[in-house]
Structure formats: C-alpha cells, structure tokens
C-alpha cells in the first residue's frame, strides 16, 4: 500500500478520535451545567409534524414537570402522570428512555454515554453535537446546539420514526425546586379520571 494512503488513513482516524473526544467533553460539561442539584427551569417551543407548542419545564436530576396549554406532565424518576385538559383525565405510566426524551429535551444528558456515537462542529459561536444510535434504539439520532461559553443547550433536534422534532430552549435558569412538584397531586384535579397504564 502506498505510504501516503497509510498516513492519510492514520491521520483520518486520529482526527476522528480527537473530534469524538471533544464532543464528549462538551457533552460532559453540558450534563454538569444542566444537572443542578436544586433544579433548573426554562421555556421551550416544540415544532414537528402536527405539533407546534410552547411551554415550560422544571427539571431536577431525572425528575421533570412540563406544562403546555393542553397538557401537563409530571415524572418523579419512575412514574409519569400525563394530564390531558380536554378529556379531564390523567394517564399513569412507567415510560421508556425514548418516551422520556420526547417530553424532556434534557434527558439526552443521561443517554449519550451508552449506545451513541457523537461528532461535533462549531457553528455561529455554538457547538453542534450530532448523536447517533449504535444499535436499534427508540431514538435514532439527535442534534444538540450548545452555547460554547455556558454549555447550556439552546436547541435540540430529535429524529423519530415519523420525522424530526425541533425544540428551541430559552430562559434557562437555576432554581430551588421541591420534589413535590414532580408528582401529580389529585387534590389539584379533583374531577380528573385516573387511568393506570402500568
């Protein structure tokens, strides 16, 4: 084999390794920024397919609580409650990681370490990290745009079987959140029908 091809081959893989390491370092710093022990809160806009919703999300570790105009979701780390306003009903479930990612855009900070490859490029003062599933996972791939100074994500694009969803994130801030806000309280919705899907 021509020595030039060997050198090119070695340089290509050396560059890919360094690039992947850089992407992992950025994801590690992003996970640290988002994983505030007391909690974080932000606003978001979700677009994709038939969806076009804006709302707020509270996060504390793996727990989250999401509010959009017609739906509220609580997740305490194991159980998820989804209140649908127009039906006045609450569905109770134990969701998969892929289902959680559909609702909590920050869940990728727990997923990227296992079963995903990642590459990165710099774009308009931000990092754009591309995560791709190694095997047959619920989420095939996603792009995460991360502020290069704060390591806070500003946009997450997620690929599903039906296409892409785009989540734009704003007003990210640390907060002191009680664990109680991540569990459904039936006293706040006395007429709601509870449907247990577990």
N, C-alpha and C. Protein backbone atom coordinates (compact mmCIF):
# COMPACT_ATOMS: atom_id res chain seq x y z
N UNK A 1 0.85 -1.19 0.00
CA UNK A 1 0.00 0.00 0.00
C UNK A 1 0.89 1.24 0.00
N UNK A 2 0.47 2.23 -0.71
CA UNK A 2 1.20 3.49 -0.80
C UNK A 2 1.31 4.13 0.59
N UNK A 3 2.55 4.53 1.01
CA UNK A 3 2.72 5.15 2.33
C UNK A 3 1.85 6.38 2.54
N UNK A 4 1.57 7.11 1.45
CA UNK A 4 0.73 8.30 1.59
C UNK A 4 -0.68 7.93 2.01
N UNK A 5 -1.18 6.79 1.47
CA UNK A 5 -2.52 6.34 1.85
C UNK A 5 -2.55 5.90 3.31
N UNK A 6 -1.45 5.24 3.73
CA UNK A 6 -1.38 4.81 5.13
C UNK A 6 -1.39 6.02 6.05
N UNK A 7 -0.59 7.03 5.70
CA UNK A 7 -0.53 8.25 6.51
C UNK A 7 -1.89 8.94 6.55
N UNK A 8 -2.55 9.03 5.39
CA UNK A 8 -3.89 9.65 5.33
C UNK A 8 -4.88 8.89 6.20
N UNK A 9 -4.79 7.55 6.14
CA UNK A 9 -5.67 6.68 6.91
C UNK A 9 -5.48 6.92 8.41
N UNK A 10 -4.22 6.95 8.84
CA UNK A 10 -3.90 7.16 10.26
C UNK A 10 -4.36 8.55 10.71
N UNK A 11 -4.08 9.57 9.90
CA UNK A 11 -4.48 10.93 10.25
C UNK A 11 -5.99 11.06 10.35
N UNK A 12 -6.72 10.40 9.43
CA UNK A 12 -8.18 10.45 9.45
C UNK A 12 -8.72 9.92 10.77
N UNK A 13 -8.22 8.75 11.19
CA UNK A 13 -8.72 8.15 12.43
C UNK A 13 -8.24 8.91 13.66
N UNK A 14 -7.04 9.47 13.60
CA UNK A 14 -6.55 10.29 14.71
C UNK A 14 -7.43 11.52 14.87
N UNK A 15 -7.78 12.16 13.74
CA UNK A 15 -8.63 13.35 13.78
C UNK A 15 -10.02 12.98 14.29
N UNK A 16 -10.56 11.85 13.84
CA UNK A 16 -11.90 11.41 14.27
C UNK A 16 -11.92 11.16 15.77
N UNK A 17 -10.83 10.57 16.28
CA UNK A 17 -10.77 10.27 17.71
C UNK A 17 -10.75 11.55 18.53
N UNK A 18 -9.90 12.50 18.13
CA UNK A 18 -9.82 13.78 18.83
C UNK A 18 -11.15 14.51 18.77
N UNK A 19 -11.79 14.47 17.59
CA UNK A 19 -13.07 15.14 17.40
C UNK A 19 -14.13 14.54 18.32
N UNK A 20 -14.15 13.18 18.40
CA UNK A 20 -15.12 12.50 19.25
C UNK A 20 -14.86 12.82 20.72
N UNK A 21 -13.57 12.88 21.10
CA UNK A 21 -13.23 13.23 22.46
C UNK A 21 -13.72 14.64 22.79
N UNK A 22 -13.55 15.56 21.86
CA UNK A 22 -14.01 16.93 22.07
C UNK A 22 -15.52 16.98 22.25
N UNK A 23 -16.24 16.21 21.45
CA UNK A 23 -17.69 16.15 21.56
C UNK A 23 -18.10 15.61 22.93
N UNK A 24 -17.40 14.58 23.40
CA UNK A 24 -17.72 14.01 24.71
C UNK A 24 -17.45 15.02 25.82
N UNK A 25 -16.35 15.76 25.71
CA UNK A 25 -16.04 16.77 26.72
C UNK A 25 -17.13 17.83 26.78
N UNK A 26 -17.62 18.25 25.62
CA UNK A 26 -18.69 19.25 25.57
C UNK A 26 -19.97 18.68 26.19
N UNK A 27 -20.29 17.42 25.88
CA UNK A 27 -21.48 16.80 26.46
C UNK A 27 -21.35 16.64 27.97
N UNK A 28 -20.14 16.29 28.43
CA UNK A 28 -19.91 16.16 29.87
C UNK A 28 -20.12 17.50 30.58
N UNK A 29 -19.62 18.58 29.98
CA UNK A 29 -19.78 19.90 30.57
C UNK A 29 -21.24 20.36 30.52
N UNK A 30 -21.94 19.98 29.45
CA UNK A 30 -23.37 20.30 29.33
C UNK A 30 -24.17 19.55 30.40
N UNK A 31 -23.85 18.27 30.59
CA UNK A 31 -24.53 17.48 31.62
C UNK A 31 -24.32 18.10 32.99
N UNK A 32 -23.10 18.56 33.26
CA UNK A 32 -22.81 19.19 34.56
C UNK A 32 -23.59 20.49 34.72
N UNK A 33 -23.70 21.27 33.63
CA UNK A 33 -24.42 22.56 33.69
C UNK A 33 -25.92 22.36 33.92
N UNK A 34 -26.48 21.33 33.29
CA UNK A 34 -27.93 21.08 33.39
C UNK A 34 -28.29 20.37 34.67
N UNK A 35 -27.36 19.56 35.20
CA UNK A 35 -27.66 18.73 36.37
C UNK A 35 -27.48 19.48 37.69
N UNK A 36 -28.06 20.64 37.80
CA UNK A 36 -28.01 21.40 39.05
C UNK A 36 -28.82 20.65 40.12
N UNK A 37 -28.22 20.38 41.26
CA UNK A 37 -28.88 19.56 42.30
C UNK A 37 -30.19 20.15 42.79
N UNK A 38 -30.29 21.47 42.83
CA UNK A 38 -31.51 22.11 43.31
C UNK A 38 -32.59 22.21 42.24
N UNK A 39 -32.17 22.10 40.96
CA UNK A 39 -33.12 22.15 39.86
C UNK A 39 -32.86 23.28 38.89
N UNK A 40 -33.46 23.17 37.72
CA UNK A 40 -33.40 24.22 36.71
C UNK A 40 -34.78 24.37 36.08
N UNK A 41 -35.00 25.51 35.47
CA UNK A 41 -36.27 25.77 34.80
C UNK A 41 -36.00 26.51 33.50
N UNK A 42 -36.87 26.33 32.50
CA UNK A 42 -36.71 27.04 31.23
C UNK A 42 -38.03 27.02 30.46
N UNK A 43 -38.08 27.80 29.41
CA UNK A 43 -39.21 27.80 28.48
C UNK A 43 -38.76 27.13 27.19
N UNK A 44 -39.72 26.64 26.42
CA UNK A 44 -39.35 25.97 25.17
C UNK A 44 -40.47 26.11 24.14
N UNK A 45 -40.09 25.90 22.88
CA UNK A 45 -41.04 25.80 21.78
C UNK A 45 -40.74 24.50 21.05
N UNK A 46 -41.77 23.71 20.82
CA UNK A 46 -41.63 22.42 20.16
C UNK A 46 -42.34 22.45 18.81
N UNK A 47 -41.61 22.08 17.75
CA UNK A 47 -42.19 22.02 16.41
C UNK A 47 -41.81 20.70 15.75
N UNK A 48 -42.78 20.16 15.01
CA UNK A 48 -42.53 18.91 14.29
C UNK A 48 -43.82 18.20 13.96
N UNK A 49 -43.97 17.79 12.70
CA UNK A 49 -45.19 17.12 12.29
C UNK A 49 -46.39 18.03 12.50
N UNK A 50 -47.36 17.55 13.26
CA UNK A 50 -48.57 18.33 13.56
C UNK A 50 -48.40 19.20 14.81
N UNK A 51 -47.24 19.08 15.46
CA UNK A 51 -47.05 19.76 16.75
C UNK A 51 -46.45 21.15 16.59
N UNK A 52 -46.95 22.07 17.38
CA UNK A 52 -46.39 23.42 17.47
C UNK A 52 -46.84 23.97 18.81
N UNK A 53 -46.06 23.68 19.84
CA UNK A 53 -46.44 24.02 21.21
C UNK A 53 -45.34 24.80 21.91
N UNK A 54 -45.73 25.65 22.83
CA UNK A 54 -44.78 26.34 23.70
C UNK A 54 -45.15 26.03 25.14
N UNK A 55 -44.15 26.00 26.00
CA UNK A 55 -44.43 25.71 27.39
C UNK A 55 -43.23 25.93 28.27
N UNK A 56 -43.32 25.37 29.49
CA UNK A 56 -42.23 25.49 30.46
C UNK A 56 -41.89 24.09 30.97
N UNK A 57 -40.64 23.96 31.44
CA UNK A 57 -40.22 22.69 32.02
C UNK A 57 -39.37 22.96 33.26
N UNK A 58 -39.64 22.20 34.31
CA UNK A 58 -38.84 22.20 35.53
C UNK A 58 -38.10 20.87 35.60
N UNK A 59 -36.81 20.91 35.95
CA UNK A 59 -36.00 19.69 35.96
C UNK A 59 -35.18 19.63 37.24
N UNK A 60 -35.08 18.44 37.80
CA UNK A 60 -34.23 18.20 38.97
C UNK A 60 -33.72 16.77 38.88
N UNK A 61 -32.47 16.62 38.45
CA UNK A 61 -31.95 15.28 38.19
C UNK A 61 -32.75 14.64 37.08
N UNK A 62 -33.26 13.45 37.32
CA UNK A 62 -34.09 12.76 36.31
C UNK A 62 -35.56 13.16 36.38
N UNK A 63 -35.92 13.90 37.40
CA UNK A 63 -37.31 14.33 37.56
C UNK A 63 -37.59 15.53 36.66
N UNK A 64 -38.84 15.63 36.17
CA UNK A 64 -39.23 16.81 35.40
C UNK A 64 -40.73 17.03 35.49
N UNK A 65 -41.12 18.28 35.19
CA UNK A 65 -42.54 18.64 35.13
C UNK A 65 -42.69 19.61 33.96
N UNK A 66 -43.58 19.26 33.04
CA UNK A 66 -43.78 20.04 31.80
C UNK A 66 -45.20 20.57 31.75
N UNK A 67 -45.33 21.83 31.32
CA UNK A 67 -46.65 22.42 31.13
C UNK A 67 -46.73 23.04 29.75
N UNK A 68 -47.71 22.59 28.95
CA UNK A 68 -48.07 23.22 27.68
C UNK A 68 -49.56 23.53 27.78
N UNK A 69 -50.11 24.31 26.84
CA UNK A 69 -51.51 24.75 27.02
C UNK A 69 -52.53 23.65 27.31
N UNK A 70 -52.43 22.49 26.67
CA UNK A 70 -53.47 21.46 26.83
C UNK A 70 -53.05 20.26 27.66
N UNK A 71 -51.77 20.20 28.04
CA UNK A 71 -51.26 19.01 28.72
C UNK A 71 -50.28 19.41 29.83
N UNK A 72 -50.30 18.63 30.92
CA UNK A 72 -49.30 18.76 31.97
C UNK A 72 -48.71 17.37 32.21
N UNK A 73 -47.40 17.31 32.43
CA UNK A 73 -46.72 16.03 32.66
C UNK A 73 -45.85 16.15 33.91
N UNK A 74 -45.91 15.12 34.75
CA UNK A 74 -45.05 15.02 35.92
C UNK A 74 -44.29 13.70 35.83
N UNK A 75 -43.02 13.72 36.19
CA UNK A 75 -42.22 12.49 36.22
C UNK A 75 -41.31 12.55 37.44
N UNK A 76 -41.44 11.57 38.33
CA UNK A 76 -40.68 11.59 39.59
C UNK A 76 -39.42 10.71 39.55
N UNK A 77 -39.03 10.31 38.35
CA UNK A 77 -37.87 9.45 38.20
C UNK A 77 -38.24 8.02 37.87
N UNK A 78 -39.51 7.66 38.09
CA UNK A 78 -40.01 6.31 37.78
C UNK A 78 -41.38 6.37 37.12
N UNK A 79 -42.30 7.09 37.78
CA UNK A 79 -43.69 7.15 37.32
C UNK A 79 -43.96 8.48 36.61
N UNK A 80 -44.73 8.38 35.52
CA UNK A 80 -45.13 9.58 34.77
C UNK A 80 -46.65 9.72 34.80
N UNK A 81 -47.10 10.94 35.10
CA UNK A 81 -48.52 11.28 35.06
C UNK A 81 -48.72 12.30 33.95
N UNK A 82 -49.68 12.05 33.06
CA UNK A 82 -49.96 12.98 31.96
C UNK A 82 -51.42 13.40 32.05
N UNK A 83 -51.62 14.68 32.34
CA UNK A 83 -52.98 15.22 32.44
C UNK A 83 -53.36 15.87 31.12
N UNK A 84 -54.47 15.38 30.53
CA UNK A 84 -54.99 15.92 29.28
C UNK A 84 -56.22 16.76 29.61
N UNK A 85 -56.07 18.06 29.41
CA UNK A 85 -57.09 19.02 29.85
C UNK A 85 -58.45 18.77 29.21
N UNK A 86 -58.50 18.58 27.89
CA UNK A 86 -59.79 18.47 27.20
C UNK A 86 -60.57 17.21 27.61
N UNK A 87 -59.86 16.16 28.04
CA UNK A 87 -60.53 14.93 28.48
C UNK A 87 -60.70 14.87 29.99
N UNK A 88 -60.04 15.80 30.71
CA UNK A 88 -60.01 15.81 32.17
C UNK A 88 -59.63 14.42 32.69
N UNK A 89 -58.51 13.88 32.14
CA UNK A 89 -58.05 12.57 32.57
C UNK A 89 -56.53 12.57 32.74
N UNK A 90 -56.07 11.66 33.60
CA UNK A 90 -54.64 11.51 33.88
C UNK A 90 -54.23 10.09 33.53
N UNK A 91 -53.25 9.97 32.65
CA UNK A 91 -52.69 8.65 32.31
C UNK A 91 -51.43 8.44 33.12
N UNK A 92 -51.34 7.28 33.78
CA UNK A 92 -50.18 6.96 34.62
C UNK A 92 -49.39 5.85 33.94
N UNK A 93 -48.06 6.05 33.80
CA UNK A 93 -47.23 5.07 33.09
C UNK A 93 -45.81 5.07 33.63
N UNK A 94 -45.08 4.02 33.30
CA UNK A 94 -43.64 3.96 33.55
C UNK A 94 -42.96 4.04 32.18
N UNK A 95 -42.52 5.23 31.76
CA UNK A 95 -42.04 5.42 30.39
C UNK A 95 -40.64 4.86 30.13
N UNK A 96 -40.36 4.61 28.83
CA UNK A 96 -39.03 4.20 28.39
C UNK A 96 -38.16 5.46 28.25
N UNK A 97 -36.84 5.25 28.06
CA UNK A 97 -35.93 6.38 27.87
C UNK A 97 -36.33 7.20 26.64
N UNK A 98 -36.72 6.50 25.56
CA UNK A 98 -37.11 7.20 24.33
C UNK A 98 -38.35 8.05 24.56
N UNK A 99 -39.31 7.51 25.32
CA UNK A 99 -40.54 8.26 25.61
C UNK A 99 -40.24 9.48 26.49
N UNK A 100 -39.30 9.31 27.43
CA UNK A 100 -38.91 10.44 28.28
C UNK A 100 -38.24 11.52 27.44
N UNK A 101 -37.37 11.11 26.50
CA UNK A 101 -36.67 12.09 25.66
C UNK A 101 -37.65 12.91 24.82
N UNK A 102 -38.78 12.29 24.42
CA UNK A 102 -39.80 13.00 23.65
C UNK A 102 -40.41 14.15 24.45
N UNK A 103 -40.40 14.02 25.78
CA UNK A 103 -41.04 15.02 26.63
C UNK A 103 -40.02 15.94 27.30
N UNK A 104 -38.92 15.34 27.78
CA UNK A 104 -37.88 16.11 28.47
C UNK A 104 -36.67 16.26 27.54
N UNK A 105 -36.50 17.41 26.91
CA UNK A 105 -35.40 17.57 25.95
C UNK A 105 -34.02 17.39 26.57
N UNK A 106 -33.91 17.57 27.88
CA UNK A 106 -32.61 17.46 28.53
C UNK A 106 -32.24 16.03 28.91
N UNK A 107 -33.11 15.08 28.64
CA UNK A 107 -32.82 13.70 29.02
C UNK A 107 -31.60 13.14 28.29
N UNK A 108 -31.19 13.76 27.19
CA UNK A 108 -30.03 13.28 26.45
C UNK A 108 -28.77 13.26 27.33
N UNK A 109 -28.74 14.07 28.40
CA UNK A 109 -27.55 14.10 29.25
C UNK A 109 -27.35 12.78 29.99
N UNK A 110 -28.39 11.93 30.04
CA UNK A 110 -28.26 10.60 30.63
C UNK A 110 -28.09 9.52 29.56
N UNK A 111 -28.42 9.83 28.32
CA UNK A 111 -28.41 8.82 27.26
C UNK A 111 -27.10 8.73 26.49
N UNK A 112 -26.38 9.84 26.37
CA UNK A 112 -25.27 9.89 25.42
C UNK A 112 -24.10 8.97 25.77
N UNK A 113 -23.99 8.58 27.04
CA UNK A 113 -22.84 7.77 27.46
C UNK A 113 -22.97 6.31 27.08
N UNK A 114 -24.15 5.89 26.68
CA UNK A 114 -24.37 4.47 26.40
C UNK A 114 -25.15 4.27 25.11
N UNK A 115 -24.51 3.71 24.11
CA UNK A 115 -25.20 3.34 22.88
C UNK A 115 -25.27 4.39 21.80
N UNK A 116 -24.50 5.47 21.95
CA UNK A 116 -24.50 6.53 20.93
C UNK A 116 -23.07 6.91 20.55
N UNK A 117 -22.90 7.22 19.28
CA UNK A 117 -21.65 7.85 18.83
C UNK A 117 -21.93 9.33 18.69
N UNK A 118 -20.90 10.15 18.76
CA UNK A 118 -21.13 11.58 18.62
C UNK A 118 -19.97 12.26 17.91
N UNK A 119 -20.33 13.25 17.11
CA UNK A 119 -19.37 14.11 16.44
C UNK A 119 -19.81 15.55 16.69
N UNK A 120 -18.92 16.49 16.38
CA UNK A 120 -19.23 17.87 16.72
C UNK A 120 -18.62 18.82 15.71
N UNK A 121 -19.30 19.94 15.52
CA UNK A 121 -18.73 21.03 14.73
C UNK A 121 -19.13 22.35 15.39
N UNK A 122 -18.35 23.38 15.11
CA UNK A 122 -18.63 24.69 15.68
C UNK A 122 -19.47 25.47 14.67
N UNK A 123 -20.50 26.14 15.16
CA UNK A 123 -21.44 26.81 14.28
C UNK A 123 -21.96 28.07 14.96
N UNK A 124 -21.63 29.25 14.39
CA UNK A 124 -22.11 30.54 14.90
C UNK A 124 -21.89 30.72 16.41
N UNK A 125 -20.69 30.40 16.87
CA UNK A 125 -20.37 30.59 18.28
C UNK A 125 -20.93 29.52 19.20
N UNK A 126 -21.50 28.46 18.63
CA UNK A 126 -22.04 27.36 19.43
C UNK A 126 -21.44 26.04 18.95
N UNK A 127 -21.56 25.03 19.79
CA UNK A 127 -21.21 23.67 19.39
C UNK A 127 -22.47 22.98 18.89
N UNK A 128 -22.35 22.26 17.80
CA UNK A 128 -23.45 21.41 17.35
C UNK A 128 -22.98 19.97 17.43
N UNK A 129 -23.56 19.23 18.38
CA UNK A 129 -23.17 17.84 18.60
C UNK A 129 -24.21 16.93 17.96
N UNK A 130 -23.74 15.99 17.16
CA UNK A 130 -24.61 15.03 16.48
C UNK A 130 -24.47 13.69 17.18
N UNK A 131 -25.56 13.21 17.77
CA UNK A 131 -25.57 11.90 18.42
C UNK A 131 -26.32 10.91 17.53
N UNK A 132 -25.73 9.74 17.36
CA UNK A 132 -26.35 8.72 16.51
C UNK A 132 -26.32 7.38 17.23
N UNK A 133 -27.46 6.68 17.23
CA UNK A 133 -27.57 5.40 17.93
C UNK A 133 -26.70 4.35 17.26
N UNK A 134 -26.03 3.54 18.08
CA UNK A 134 -25.20 2.46 17.55
C UNK A 134 -26.06 1.28 17.11
N UNK A 135 -27.13 1.05 17.81
CA UNK A 135 -27.99 -0.09 17.50
C UNK A 135 -29.43 0.33 17.30
N UNK A 136 -30.34 -0.57 17.61
CA UNK A 136 -31.76 -0.34 17.41
C UNK A 136 -32.36 0.33 18.66
N UNK A 137 -32.23 1.64 18.73
CA UNK A 137 -32.76 2.38 19.88
C UNK A 137 -34.00 3.16 19.46
N UNK A 138 -34.80 3.55 20.45
CA UNK A 138 -36.01 4.30 20.16
C UNK A 138 -35.72 5.62 19.48
N UNK A 139 -34.59 6.23 19.86
CA UNK A 139 -34.18 7.49 19.23
C UNK A 139 -32.97 7.22 18.35
N UNK A 140 -33.14 7.41 17.04
CA UNK A 140 -32.07 7.10 16.11
C UNK A 140 -30.93 8.10 16.17
N UNK A 141 -31.29 9.38 16.19
CA UNK A 141 -30.25 10.40 16.23
C UNK A 141 -30.83 11.73 16.70
N UNK A 142 -29.93 12.61 17.13
CA UNK A 142 -30.34 13.95 17.52
C UNK A 142 -29.17 14.92 17.34
N UNK A 143 -29.52 16.18 17.15
CA UNK A 143 -28.54 17.26 17.09
C UNK A 143 -28.79 18.18 18.28
N UNK A 144 -27.72 18.51 19.00
CA UNK A 144 -27.85 19.39 20.16
C UNK A 144 -26.97 20.61 19.93
N UNK A 145 -27.58 21.80 19.93
CA UNK A 145 -26.83 23.05 19.79
C UNK A 145 -26.56 23.58 21.20
N UNK A 146 -25.28 23.80 21.51
CA UNK A 146 -24.85 24.12 22.87
C UNK A 146 -24.05 25.42 22.86
N UNK A 147 -24.39 26.34 23.75
CA UNK A 147 -23.65 27.58 23.87
C UNK A 147 -22.20 27.28 24.25
N UNK A 148 -21.24 27.83 23.50
CA UNK A 148 -19.82 27.49 23.71
C UNK A 148 -19.23 28.12 24.97
N UNK A 149 -19.95 29.05 25.61
CA UNK A 149 -19.44 29.68 26.83
C UNK A 149 -20.11 29.12 28.08
N UNK A 150 -21.43 28.92 28.01
CA UNK A 150 -22.18 28.47 29.20
C UNK A 150 -22.44 26.97 29.22
N UNK A 151 -22.31 26.33 28.05
CA UNK A 151 -22.61 24.90 27.87
C UNK A 151 -24.08 24.58 28.13
N UNK A 152 -24.94 25.57 27.91
CA UNK A 152 -26.39 25.36 28.02
C UNK A 152 -26.95 25.12 26.62
N UNK A 153 -27.73 24.06 26.43
CA UNK A 153 -28.33 23.80 25.11
C UNK A 153 -29.36 24.87 24.74
N UNK A 154 -29.35 25.28 23.48
CA UNK A 154 -30.34 26.25 23.00
C UNK A 154 -31.33 25.61 22.02
N UNK A 155 -30.94 24.48 21.43
CA UNK A 155 -31.84 23.78 20.52
C UNK A 155 -31.49 22.29 20.49
N UNK A 156 -32.54 21.48 20.41
CA UNK A 156 -32.37 20.04 20.28
C UNK A 156 -33.29 19.56 19.16
N UNK A 157 -32.71 18.87 18.19
CA UNK A 157 -33.49 18.28 17.10
C UNK A 157 -33.43 16.76 17.24
N UNK A 158 -34.59 16.14 17.29
CA UNK A 158 -34.69 14.71 17.57
C UNK A 158 -35.32 13.99 16.38
N UNK A 159 -34.70 12.89 15.96
CA UNK A 159 -35.22 12.10 14.85
C UNK A 159 -36.04 10.93 15.37
N UNK A 160 -37.30 10.88 14.97
CA UNK A 160 -38.19 9.77 15.30
C UNK A 160 -38.53 9.01 14.03
N UNK A 161 -39.29 7.95 14.18
CA UNK A 161 -39.72 7.18 13.01
C UNK A 161 -40.54 8.03 12.06
N UNK A 162 -41.27 8.99 12.61
CA UNK A 162 -42.15 9.82 11.78
C UNK A 162 -41.49 11.12 11.29
N UNK A 163 -40.22 11.33 11.64
CA UNK A 163 -39.54 12.54 11.18
C UNK A 163 -38.79 13.23 12.30
N UNK A 164 -38.65 14.55 12.16
CA UNK A 164 -37.86 15.34 13.10
C UNK A 164 -38.73 16.26 13.94
N UNK A 165 -38.37 16.40 15.22
CA UNK A 165 -38.94 17.41 16.11
C UNK A 165 -37.83 18.39 16.49
N UNK A 166 -38.15 19.67 16.54
CA UNK A 166 -37.19 20.68 16.93
C UNK A 166 -37.66 21.38 18.20
N UNK A 167 -36.79 21.42 19.21
CA UNK A 167 -37.11 22.07 20.47
C UNK A 167 -36.16 23.25 20.66
N UNK A 168 -36.71 24.45 20.67
CA UNK A 168 -35.93 25.65 20.95
C UNK A 168 -36.08 26.01 22.41
N UNK A 169 -34.95 26.25 23.10
CA UNK A 169 -34.95 26.45 24.54
C UNK A 169 -34.50 27.88 24.87
N UNK A 170 -35.17 28.49 25.84
CA UNK A 170 -34.82 29.85 26.24
C UNK A 170 -35.09 30.03 27.74
N UNK A 171 -34.59 31.13 28.28
CA UNK A 171 -34.81 31.49 29.70
C UNK A 171 -34.35 30.41 30.67
N UNK A 172 -33.24 29.75 30.36
CA UNK A 172 -32.72 28.70 31.24
C UNK A 172 -32.15 29.34 32.50
N UNK A 173 -32.56 28.84 33.67
CA UNK A 173 -32.01 29.36 34.93
C UNK A 173 -32.09 28.31 36.03
N UNK A 174 -31.19 28.45 36.97
CA UNK A 174 -31.19 27.55 38.13
C UNK A 174 -32.34 27.92 39.06
N UNK A 175 -32.86 26.92 39.77
CA UNK A 175 -34.00 27.16 40.67
C UNK A 175 -33.91 26.22 41.85
N UNK A 176 -34.62 26.54 42.91
CA UNK A 176 -34.68 25.68 44.10
C UNK A 176 -36.05 25.00 44.09
N UNK A 177 -36.09 23.79 43.55
CA UNK A 177 -37.37 23.12 43.30
C UNK A 177 -37.64 22.02 44.32
N UNK A 178 -38.87 21.99 44.82
CA UNK A 178 -39.30 20.94 45.74
C UNK A 178 -39.59 19.65 44.96
N UNK A 179 -39.30 18.50 45.56
CA UNK A 179 -39.58 17.21 44.91
C UNK A 179 -41.08 17.04 44.65
N UNK A 180 -41.92 17.70 45.44
CA UNK A 180 -43.38 17.55 45.33
C UNK A 180 -43.90 18.00 43.97
N UNK A 181 -43.24 18.93 43.32
CA UNK A 181 -43.77 19.43 42.04
C UNK A 181 -43.60 18.43 40.89
N UNK A 182 -42.89 17.33 41.16
CA UNK A 182 -42.67 16.32 40.11
C UNK A 182 -43.62 15.13 40.25
N UNK A 183 -44.61 15.27 41.13
CA UNK A 183 -45.62 14.23 41.31
C UNK A 183 -47.02 14.82 41.14
N UNK A 184 -47.88 14.09 40.50
CA UNK A 184 -49.28 14.51 40.32
C UNK A 184 -49.98 14.55 41.67
N UNK A 185 -50.70 15.64 41.92
CA UNK A 185 -51.47 15.78 43.16
C UNK A 185 -52.95 15.78 42.81
N UNK A 186 -53.64 14.72 43.16
CA UNK A 186 -55.05 14.56 42.80
C UNK A 186 -55.93 15.67 43.40
N UNK A 187 -55.49 16.29 44.50
CA UNK A 187 -56.27 17.37 45.11
C UNK A 187 -56.38 18.58 44.20
N UNK A 188 -55.40 18.75 43.31
CA UNK A 188 -55.42 19.89 42.38
C UNK A 188 -56.32 19.62 41.17
N UNK A 189 -56.70 18.35 40.97
CA UNK A 189 -57.54 17.96 39.82
C UNK A 189 -58.61 16.98 40.33
N UNK A 190 -59.51 17.45 41.18
CA UNK A 190 -60.47 16.55 41.85
C UNK A 190 -61.42 15.81 40.93
N UNK A 191 -61.70 16.35 39.72
CA UNK A 191 -62.66 15.70 38.82
C UNK A 191 -61.98 14.82 37.77
N UNK A 192 -60.66 14.80 37.75
CA UNK A 192 -59.94 14.06 36.70
C UNK A 192 -60.07 12.55 36.89
N UNK A 193 -60.27 11.85 35.78
CA UNK A 193 -60.29 10.39 35.79
C UNK A 193 -58.84 9.90 35.67
N UNK A 194 -58.43 9.00 36.56
CA UNK A 194 -57.08 8.47 36.55
C UNK A 194 -57.06 7.11 35.85
N UNK A 195 -56.24 7.00 34.80
CA UNK A 195 -56.15 5.76 34.02
C UNK A 195 -54.74 5.20 34.19
N UNK A 196 -54.64 4.06 34.86
CA UNK A 196 -53.33 3.45 35.14
C UNK A 196 -52.93 2.53 33.99
N UNK A 197 -51.87 2.90 33.26
CA UNK A 197 -51.41 2.14 32.10
C UNK A 197 -50.17 1.31 32.40
N UNK A 198 -49.81 1.21 33.65
CA UNK A 198 -48.59 0.46 34.01
C UNK A 198 -48.81 -1.04 33.93
